C-alpha atoms as a PDB file:
ATOM      1  CA  UNK A   1     -14.902  48.563  29.746  1.00  0.00           C
ATOM      2  CA  UNK A   2     -16.244  45.727  31.814  1.00  0.00           C
ATOM      3  CA  UNK A   3     -16.084  43.471  28.746  1.00  0.00           C
ATOM      4  CA  UNK A   4     -12.451  44.483  28.107  1.00  0.00           C
ATOM      5  CA  UNK A   5     -11.562  43.720  31.715  1.00  0.00           C
ATOM      6  CA  UNK A   6     -13.335  40.378  31.443  1.00  0.00           C
ATOM      7  CA  UNK A   7     -11.436  39.510  28.231  1.00  0.00           C
ATOM      8  CA  UNK A   8      -8.152  40.557  29.850  1.00  0.00           C
ATOM      9  CA  UNK A   9      -8.934  38.482  32.919  1.00  0.00           C
ATOM     10  CA  UNK A  10      -9.746  35.480  30.716  1.00  0.00           C
ATOM     11  CA  UNK A  11      -6.454  35.833  28.823  1.00  0.00           C
ATOM     12  CA  UNK A  12      -4.610  35.997  32.134  1.00  0.00           C
ATOM     13  CA  UNK A  13      -6.346  32.858  33.420  1.00  0.00           C
ATOM     14  CA  UNK A  14      -5.667  30.992  30.169  1.00  0.00           C
ATOM     15  CA  UNK A  15      -2.008  31.968  30.453  1.00  0.00           C
ATOM     16  CA  UNK A  16      -1.885  30.795  34.091  1.00  0.00           C
ATOM     17  CA  UNK A  17      -3.627  27.506  33.216  1.00  0.00           C
ATOM     18  CA  UNK A  18      -1.121  26.907  30.393  1.00  0.00           C
ATOM     19  CA  UNK A  19       1.788  27.472  32.766  1.00  0.00           C
ATOM     20  CA  UNK A  20       0.347  25.090  35.359  1.00  0.00           C
ATOM     21  CA  UNK A  21      -0.307  22.319  32.853  1.00  0.00           C
ATOM     22  CA  UNK A  22       2.727  22.582  30.578  1.00  0.00           C
ATOM     23  CA  UNK A  23       5.571  23.573  32.890  1.00  0.00           C
ATOM     24  CA  UNK A  24       6.729  21.044  35.429  1.00  0.00           C
ATOM     25  CA  UNK A  25       6.495  22.348  38.982  1.00  0.00           C
ATOM     26  CA  UNK A  26       6.194  18.998  40.779  1.00  0.00           C
ATOM     27  CA  UNK A  27       7.794  15.597  40.402  1.00  0.00           C
ATOM     28  CA  UNK A  28       4.937  14.890  37.985  1.00  0.00           C
ATOM     29  CA  UNK A  29       3.694  17.087  35.110  1.00  0.00           C
ATOM     30  CA  UNK A  30       0.264  18.686  35.058  1.00  0.00           C
ATOM     31  CA  UNK A  31      -1.751  20.055  37.974  1.00  0.00           C
ATOM     32  CA  UNK A  32      -4.371  18.764  40.399  1.00  0.00           C
ATOM     33  CA  UNK A  33      -7.949  19.998  40.497  1.00  0.00           C
ATOM     34  CA  UNK A  34      -7.474  21.807  43.812  1.00  0.00           C
ATOM     35  CA  UNK A  35      -4.410  23.656  42.459  1.00  0.00           C
ATOM     36  CA  UNK A  36      -6.329  24.805  39.394  1.00  0.00           C
ATOM     37  CA  UNK A  37      -9.331  25.839  41.492  1.00  0.00           C
ATOM     38  CA  UNK A  38      -7.055  27.908  43.739  1.00  0.00           C
ATOM     39  CA  UNK A  39      -5.227  29.558  40.823  1.00  0.00           C
ATOM     40  CA  UNK A  40      -8.123  30.050  38.396  1.00  0.00           C
ATOM     41  CA  UNK A  41     -11.247  30.188  40.551  1.00  0.00           C
ATOM     42  CA  UNK A  42     -14.375  28.047  40.747  1.00  0.00           C
ATOM     43  CA  UNK A  43     -14.934  28.147  36.977  1.00  0.00           C
ATOM     44  CA  UNK A  44     -11.532  26.527  36.290  1.00  0.00           C
ATOM     45  CA  UNK A  45     -13.165  23.733  34.241  1.00  0.00           C
ATOM     46  CA  UNK A  46     -14.590  26.294  31.799  1.00  0.00           C
ATOM     47  CA  UNK A  47     -11.140  27.864  31.483  1.00  0.00           C
ATOM     48  CA  UNK A  48      -9.669  24.430  30.745  1.00  0.00           C
ATOM     49  CA  UNK A  49     -12.356  23.784  28.119  1.00  0.00           C
ATOM     50  CA  UNK A  50     -11.387  26.986  26.297  1.00  0.00           C
ATOM     51  CA  UNK A  51      -7.702  26.127  26.639  1.00  0.00           C
ATOM     52  CA  UNK A  52      -8.414  22.630  25.308  1.00  0.00           C
ATOM     53  CA  UNK A  53     -10.006  24.151  22.203  1.00  0.00           C
ATOM     54  CA  UNK A  54      -6.901  26.247  21.555  1.00  0.00           C
ATOM     55  CA  UNK A  55      -4.504  23.350  22.208  1.00  0.00           C
ATOM     56  CA  UNK A  56      -6.577  21.139  19.897  1.00  0.00           C
ATOM     57  CA  UNK A  57      -5.458  23.309  16.977  1.00  0.00           C
ATOM     58  CA  UNK A  58      -1.891  22.274  17.815  1.00  0.00           C
ATOM     59  CA  UNK A  59      -2.656  18.563  18.049  1.00  0.00           C
ATOM     60  CA  UNK A  60      -2.814  18.535  21.854  1.00  0.00           C
ATOM     61  CA  UNK A  61      -5.569  17.922  24.387  1.00  0.00           C
ATOM     62  CA  UNK A  62      -6.217  18.383  28.100  1.00  0.00           C
ATOM     63  CA  UNK A  63      -7.001  15.129  29.898  1.00  0.00           C
ATOM     64  CA  UNK A  64      -8.415  14.642  33.366  1.00  0.00           C
ATOM     65  CA  UNK A  65      -7.020  11.635  35.211  1.00  0.00           C
ATOM     66  CA  UNK A  66      -9.069  10.362  38.131  1.00  0.00           C
ATOM     67  CA  UNK A  67      -7.432  10.217  41.539  1.00  0.00           C
ATOM     68  CA  UNK A  68      -9.720   7.341  42.488  1.00  0.00           C
ATOM     69  CA  UNK A  69     -12.868   9.098  43.716  1.00  0.00           C
ATOM     70  CA  UNK A  70     -15.475  10.689  41.473  1.00  0.00           C
ATOM     71  CA  UNK A  71     -14.923  14.442  41.012  1.00  0.00           C
ATOM     72  CA  UNK A  72     -12.060  14.317  43.467  1.00  0.00           C
ATOM     73  CA  UNK A  73      -9.940  17.386  44.162  1.00  0.00           C
ATOM     74  CA  UNK A  74      -6.919  15.108  43.704  1.00  0.00           C
ATOM     75  CA  UNK A  75      -7.771  14.460  40.031  1.00  0.00           C
ATOM     76  CA  UNK A  76      -4.900  15.495  37.784  1.00  0.00           C
ATOM     77  CA  UNK A  77      -5.157  17.518  34.572  1.00  0.00           C
ATOM     78  CA  UNK A  78      -2.476  16.891  32.023  1.00  0.00           C
ATOM     79  CA  UNK A  79      -1.683  17.952  28.435  1.00  0.00           C
ATOM     80  CA  UNK A  80      -0.955  15.147  26.005  1.00  0.00           C
ATOM     81  CA  UNK A  81      -0.956  14.452  22.274  1.00  0.00           C
ATOM     82  CA  UNK A  82      -4.240  13.964  20.468  1.00  0.00           C
ATOM     83  CA  UNK A  83      -4.425  10.527  18.902  1.00  0.00           C
ATOM     84  CA  UNK A  84      -1.493   8.140  18.638  1.00  0.00           C
ATOM     85  CA  UNK A  85       2.050   9.406  17.982  1.00  0.00           C
ATOM     86  CA  UNK A  86       4.034   7.773  15.196  1.00  0.00           C
ATOM     87  CA  UNK A  87       7.196   5.829  15.986  1.00  0.00           C
ATOM     88  CA  UNK A  88       9.289   8.746  14.712  1.00  0.00           C
ATOM     89  CA  UNK A  89       7.429  11.201  16.973  1.00  0.00           C
ATOM     90  CA  UNK A  90       7.836   8.932  19.998  1.00  0.00           C
ATOM     91  CA  UNK A  91      11.579   8.750  19.385  1.00  0.00           C
ATOM     92  CA  UNK A  92      11.835  12.541  19.240  1.00  0.00           C
ATOM     93  CA  UNK A  93      10.319  12.602  22.765  1.00  0.00           C
ATOM     94  CA  UNK A  94      13.314  10.601  24.035  1.00  0.00           C
ATOM     95  CA  UNK A  95      11.782   7.111  23.868  1.00  0.00           C
ATOM     96  CA  UNK A  96      14.061   4.240  22.872  1.00  0.00           C
ATOM     97  CA  UNK A  97      12.532   1.389  20.873  1.00  0.00           C
ATOM     98  CA  UNK A  98      13.396  -1.180  23.547  1.00  0.00           C
ATOM     99  CA  UNK A  99      11.908   1.044  26.294  1.00  0.00           C
ATOM    100  CA  UNK A 100       8.634   1.221  24.343  1.00  0.00           C
ATOM    101  CA  UNK A 101       8.738  -2.552  23.915  1.00  0.00           C
ATOM    102  CA  UNK A 102       9.300  -3.088  27.649  1.00  0.00           C
ATOM    103  CA  UNK A 103       6.438  -0.773  28.612  1.00  0.00           C
ATOM    104  CA  UNK A 104       4.119  -2.479  26.122  1.00  0.00           C
ATOM    105  CA  UNK A 105       4.957  -5.953  27.458  1.00  0.00           C
ATOM    106  CA  UNK A 106       4.644  -4.818  31.100  1.00  0.00           C
ATOM    107  CA  UNK A 107       1.273  -3.145  30.476  1.00  0.00           C
ATOM    108  CA  UNK A 108      -0.035  -6.114  28.486  1.00  0.00           C
ATOM    109  CA  UNK A 109       0.924  -8.505  31.281  1.00  0.00           C
ATOM    110  CA  UNK A 110      -0.608  -6.297  34.001  1.00  0.00           C
ATOM    111  CA  UNK A 111      -3.834  -5.807  32.029  1.00  0.00           C
ATOM    112  CA  UNK A 112      -4.068  -9.556  31.367  1.00  0.00           C
ATOM    113  CA  UNK A 113      -3.950 -10.080  35.153  1.00  0.00           C
ATOM    114  CA  UNK A 114      -7.006  -7.882  35.819  1.00  0.00           C
ATOM    115  CA  UNK A 115      -4.968  -4.711  36.308  1.00  0.00           C
ATOM    116  CA  UNK A 116      -2.364  -5.826  38.846  1.00  0.00           C
ATOM    117  CA  UNK A 117       0.617  -8.172  38.838  1.00  0.00           C
ATOM    118  CA  UNK A 118       3.550  -8.903  41.172  1.00  0.00           C
ATOM    119  CA  UNK A 119       6.663  -6.909  40.301  1.00  0.00           C
ATOM    120  CA  UNK A 120       8.742 -10.100  40.303  1.00  0.00           C
ATOM    121  CA  UNK A 121       6.475 -11.706  37.709  1.00  0.00           C
ATOM    122  CA  UNK A 122       6.686  -8.680  35.401  1.00  0.00           C
ATOM    123  CA  UNK A 123      10.479  -8.643  35.785  1.00  0.00           C
ATOM    124  CA  UNK A 124      10.659 -12.354  34.992  1.00  0.00           C
ATOM    125  CA  UNK A 125       8.621 -11.883  31.800  1.00  0.00           C
ATOM    126  CA  UNK A 126      10.815  -8.990  30.653  1.00  0.00           C
ATOM    127  CA  UNK A 127      14.037 -10.823  31.505  1.00  0.00           C
ATOM    128  CA  UNK A 128      13.212 -13.380  28.825  1.00  0.00           C
ATOM    129  CA  UNK A 129      14.122 -10.714  26.257  1.00  0.00           C
ATOM    130  CA  UNK A 130      16.187  -8.073  28.110  1.00  0.00           C
ATOM    131  CA  UNK A 131      19.155  -8.071  30.573  1.00  0.00           C
ATOM    132  CA  UNK A 132      18.165  -8.080  34.261  1.00  0.00           C
ATOM    133  CA  UNK A 133      20.009  -4.828  35.086  1.00  0.00           C
ATOM    134  CA  UNK A 134      18.194  -3.085  32.251  1.00  0.00           C
ATOM    135  CA  UNK A 135      14.794  -4.420  33.297  1.00  0.00           C
ATOM    136  CA  UNK A 136      15.153  -3.248  36.919  1.00  0.00           C
ATOM    137  CA  UNK A 137      16.324   0.268  36.029  1.00  0.00           C
ATOM    138  CA  UNK A 138      13.670   0.703  33.322  1.00  0.00           C
ATOM    139  CA  UNK A 139      10.788  -0.415  35.566  1.00  0.00           C
ATOM    140  CA  UNK A 140      12.024   2.012  38.252  1.00  0.00           C
ATOM    141  CA  UNK A 141      11.965   4.786  35.649  1.00  0.00           C
ATOM    142  CA  UNK A 142       8.449   3.857  34.523  1.00  0.00           C
ATOM    143  CA  UNK A 143       7.301   4.063  38.158  1.00  0.00           C
ATOM    144  CA  UNK A 144       8.976   7.454  38.698  1.00  0.00           C
ATOM    145  CA  UNK A 145       7.409   8.863  35.544  1.00  0.00           C
ATOM    146  CA  UNK A 146       3.924   7.597  36.408  1.00  0.00           C
ATOM    147  CA  UNK A 147       3.523   4.950  33.702  1.00  0.00           C
ATOM    148  CA  UNK A 148       3.464   2.204  36.342  1.00  0.00           C
ATOM    149  CA  UNK A 149       2.495   2.289  40.002  1.00  0.00           C
ATOM    150  CA  UNK A 150       3.728  -0.008  42.805  1.00  0.00           C
ATOM    151  CA  UNK A 151       2.070  -0.618  46.161  1.00  0.00           C
ATOM    152  CA  UNK A 152       3.554  -1.705  49.502  1.00  0.00           C
ATOM    153  CA  UNK A 153       2.964  -5.375  48.680  1.00  0.00           C
ATOM    154  CA  UNK A 154       5.094  -5.264  45.536  1.00  0.00           C
ATOM    155  CA  UNK A 155       2.166  -5.291  43.103  1.00  0.00           C
ATOM    156  CA  UNK A 156       2.388  -3.263  39.890  1.00  0.00           C
ATOM    157  CA  UNK A 157      -0.603  -1.339  38.539  1.00  0.00           C
ATOM    158  CA  UNK A 158      -1.255   0.857  35.517  1.00  0.00           C
ATOM    159  CA  UNK A 159       0.011   4.339  36.407  1.00  0.00           C
ATOM    160  CA  UNK A 160      -1.839   7.643  36.024  1.00  0.00           C
ATOM    161  CA  UNK A 161       0.290   8.684  33.061  1.00  0.00           C
ATOM    162  CA  UNK A 162      -0.526   5.495  31.176  1.00  0.00           C
ATOM    163  CA  UNK A 163      -4.212   6.232  31.745  1.00  0.00           C
ATOM    164  CA  UNK A 164      -3.614   9.656  30.171  1.00  0.00           C
ATOM    165  CA  UNK A 165      -1.414   8.651  27.241  1.00  0.00           C
ATOM    166  CA  UNK A 166      -2.209   5.043  26.354  1.00  0.00           C
ATOM    167  CA  UNK A 167      -5.462   3.737  24.901  1.00  0.00           C
ATOM    168  CA  UNK A 168      -5.565   0.518  26.914  1.00  0.00           C
ATOM    169  CA  UNK A 169      -8.517  -0.938  24.996  1.00  0.00           C
ATOM    170  CA  UNK A 170      -6.731  -0.429  21.675  1.00  0.00           C
ATOM    171  CA  UNK A 171      -3.520  -1.895  23.091  1.00  0.00           C
ATOM    172  CA  UNK A 172      -5.317  -5.043  24.254  1.00  0.00           C
ATOM    173  CA  UNK A 173      -7.195  -5.263  20.962  1.00  0.00           C
ATOM    174  CA  UNK A 174      -3.948  -5.117  18.987  1.00  0.00           C
ATOM    175  CA  UNK A 175      -2.298  -7.720  21.197  1.00  0.00           C
ATOM    176  CA  UNK A 176      -5.296 -10.056  21.125  1.00  0.00           C
ATOM    177  CA  UNK A 177      -5.543  -9.625  17.358  1.00  0.00           C
ATOM    178  CA  UNK A 178      -1.899 -10.600  17.013  1.00  0.00           C
ATOM    179  CA  UNK A 179      -2.420 -13.681  19.189  1.00  0.00           C
ATOM    180  CA  UNK A 180      -5.402 -14.771  17.075  1.00  0.00           C
ATOM    181  CA  UNK A 181      -3.402 -14.345  13.873  1.00  0.00           C
ATOM    182  CA  UNK A 182      -0.549 -16.410  15.313  1.00  0.00           C
ATOM    183  CA  UNK A 183      -3.000 -19.112  16.419  1.00  0.00           C
ATOM    184  CA  UNK A 184      -4.517 -19.117  12.916  1.00  0.00           C
ATOM    185  CA  UNK A 185      -1.098 -19.543  11.323  1.00  0.00           C
ATOM    186  CA  UNK A 186      -0.315 -22.375  13.733  1.00  0.00           C
ATOM    187  CA  UNK A 187      -3.577 -24.147  12.880  1.00  0.00           C
ATOM    188  CA  UNK A 188      -2.970 -23.766   9.140  1.00  0.00           C
ATOM    189  CA  UNK A 189       0.566 -25.048   9.616  1.00  0.00           C
ATOM    190  CA  UNK A 190      -0.711 -28.053  11.518  1.00  0.00           C
ATOM    191  CA  UNK A 191      -3.300 -28.788   8.822  1.00  0.00           C
ATOM    192  CA  UNK A 192      -0.769 -28.562   6.009  1.00  0.00           C
ATOM    193  CA  UNK A 193       1.539 -30.809   8.024  1.00  0.00           C
ATOM    194  CA  UNK A 194      -1.271 -33.338   8.456  1.00  0.00           C
ATOM    195  CA  UNK A 195      -2.021 -33.275   4.716  1.00  0.00           C
ATOM    196  CA  UNK A 196       1.639 -33.845   3.859  1.00  0.00           C
ATOM    197  CA  UNK A 197       1.805 -36.715   6.317  1.00  0.00           C
ATOM    198  CA  UNK A 198      -1.400 -38.195   4.900  1.00  0.00           C
ATOM    199  CA  UNK A 199      -0.176 -38.000   1.313  1.00  0.00           C
ATOM    200  CA  UNK A 200       3.143 -39.611   2.256  1.00  0.00           C
ATOM    201  CA  UNK A 201       1.455 -42.618   3.903  1.00  0.00           C
END
């Protein structure tokens, strides 16, 4: 009987954890460590581990996003996709191609500046390819959704949601790889140009 009650209690806690993580009850999705501790008890991390195993079968995972301090009660737990979504999947989530491009450029610029960059600089970079009105509204939306973060001095940082959903190392690797390829093409182009010039003279 005790085992049945324990199993029933576990099912109830798993159900409560799922509700807290999947259904939006704040401005931001997910739940903080202190909320989960209050709702699920001291062993909330074990409950989340079990839930993570079940969600893994559906291609999802539970991620813990640091609030700044180690093992902080303000850390946020959030459910996201396992691995990298395809372009088609991203579009089904409501992402426009140009929005994805803007976020990629903004993140790449911020990461290239050691993790922080003035808002005005990021806007200026984006305005080379997109209309100003679109850039301003899209950056505001990225900040509201947690992909970017802005401080009182007008500096942009990588937001908590980017830390949960974007593999920053892979992103930088892809961008650096592209730059190297472009540099290689340029060098080959220069060499072929030099050879043509040499043969003509």
